[in-house]
């Protein structure tokens, strides 16, 4: 992988991490709205999705950290 590709991958990883956080926050907000509508099972599933999004971000963070270890 050349330096341009590694730089692009670093940028993409950072972008994906931030994007996931935005989605997770939005999911949580809609989970609250679902709860307020009396839809606790819907809220549960939405919050599960938020947790999966956060778990995904943890994996992306590890990938970024590993990539940075190999930085020239």
Protein backbone atom coordinates (compact mmCIF):
# COMPACT_ATOMS: atom_id res chain seq x y z
CA UNK A 1 0.00 0.00 0.00
CA UNK A 2 1.55 3.29 -1.03
CA UNK A 3 1.55 6.39 1.19
CA UNK A 4 -1.34 8.01 -0.71
CA UNK A 5 -3.54 4.99 -0.13
CA UNK A 6 -2.56 4.83 3.55
CA UNK A 7 -3.38 8.52 3.97
CA UNK A 8 -6.72 8.00 2.26
CA UNK A 9 -7.47 5.00 4.47
CA UNK A 10 -6.67 7.04 7.59
CA UNK A 11 -9.05 9.75 6.42
CA UNK A 12 -11.77 7.21 5.60
CA UNK A 13 -11.42 5.45 8.95
CA UNK A 14 -11.70 8.75 10.81
CA UNK A 15 -14.71 9.73 8.71
CA UNK A 16 -16.44 6.39 9.27
CA UNK A 17 -15.87 6.61 13.02
CA UNK A 18 -17.40 10.09 13.19
CA UNK A 19 -20.24 9.09 10.88
CA UNK A 20 -21.05 6.08 13.07
CA UNK A 21 -21.14 8.32 16.15
CA UNK A 22 -23.62 10.62 14.45
CA UNK A 23 -25.82 7.68 13.52
CA UNK A 24 -25.58 6.16 16.99
CA UNK A 25 -26.61 9.45 18.58
CA UNK A 26 -29.52 9.75 16.16
CA UNK A 27 -30.60 6.17 16.89
CA UNK A 28 -30.62 6.90 20.61
CA UNK A 29 -32.76 9.98 20.07
CA UNK A 30 -35.26 8.01 18.03
CA UNK A 31 -35.17 5.25 20.62
CA UNK A 32 -36.29 7.81 23.19
CA UNK A 33 -39.07 8.92 20.88
CA UNK A 34 -40.19 5.32 20.38
CA UNK A 35 -40.25 4.82 24.17
CA UNK A 36 -42.34 7.97 24.55
CA UNK A 37 -44.79 6.51 22.00
CA UNK A 38 -45.10 3.42 24.17
CA UNK A 39 -43.06 1.29 21.78
CA UNK A 40 -40.54 -0.23 24.17
CA UNK A 41 -39.72 -3.16 21.89
CA UNK A 42 -39.00 -0.76 19.05
CA UNK A 43 -36.82 1.28 21.40
CA UNK A 44 -34.92 -1.86 22.42
CA UNK A 45 -34.16 -2.76 18.81
CA UNK A 46 -33.10 0.78 17.96
CA UNK A 47 -30.79 0.88 20.98
CA UNK A 48 -29.37 -2.49 19.94
CA UNK A 49 -28.57 -0.96 16.56
CA UNK A 50 -26.85 1.96 18.30
CA UNK A 51 -24.72 -0.49 20.29
CA UNK A 52 -23.76 -2.35 17.12
CA UNK A 53 -22.79 0.96 15.54
CA UNK A 54 -20.60 1.76 18.55
CA UNK A 55 -19.06 -1.71 18.39
CA UNK A 56 -18.30 -1.13 14.72
CA UNK A 57 -16.59 2.12 15.63
CA UNK A 58 -14.44 0.31 18.18
CA UNK A 59 -13.23 -2.00 15.42
CA UNK A 60 -12.54 0.97 13.15
CA UNK A 61 -10.64 2.69 15.99
CA UNK A 62 -8.46 -0.40 16.41
CA UNK A 63 -7.82 -0.47 12.67
CA UNK A 64 -6.83 3.20 12.70
CA UNK A 65 -4.53 2.65 15.68
CA UNK A 66 -2.88 -0.30 13.93
CA UNK A 67 -2.47 1.70 10.75
CA UNK A 68 -0.88 4.55 12.71
CA UNK A 69 1.66 2.12 14.23
CA UNK A 70 2.86 1.43 10.70
CA UNK A 71 3.08 5.11 9.77
CA UNK A 72 6.38 5.87 8.02
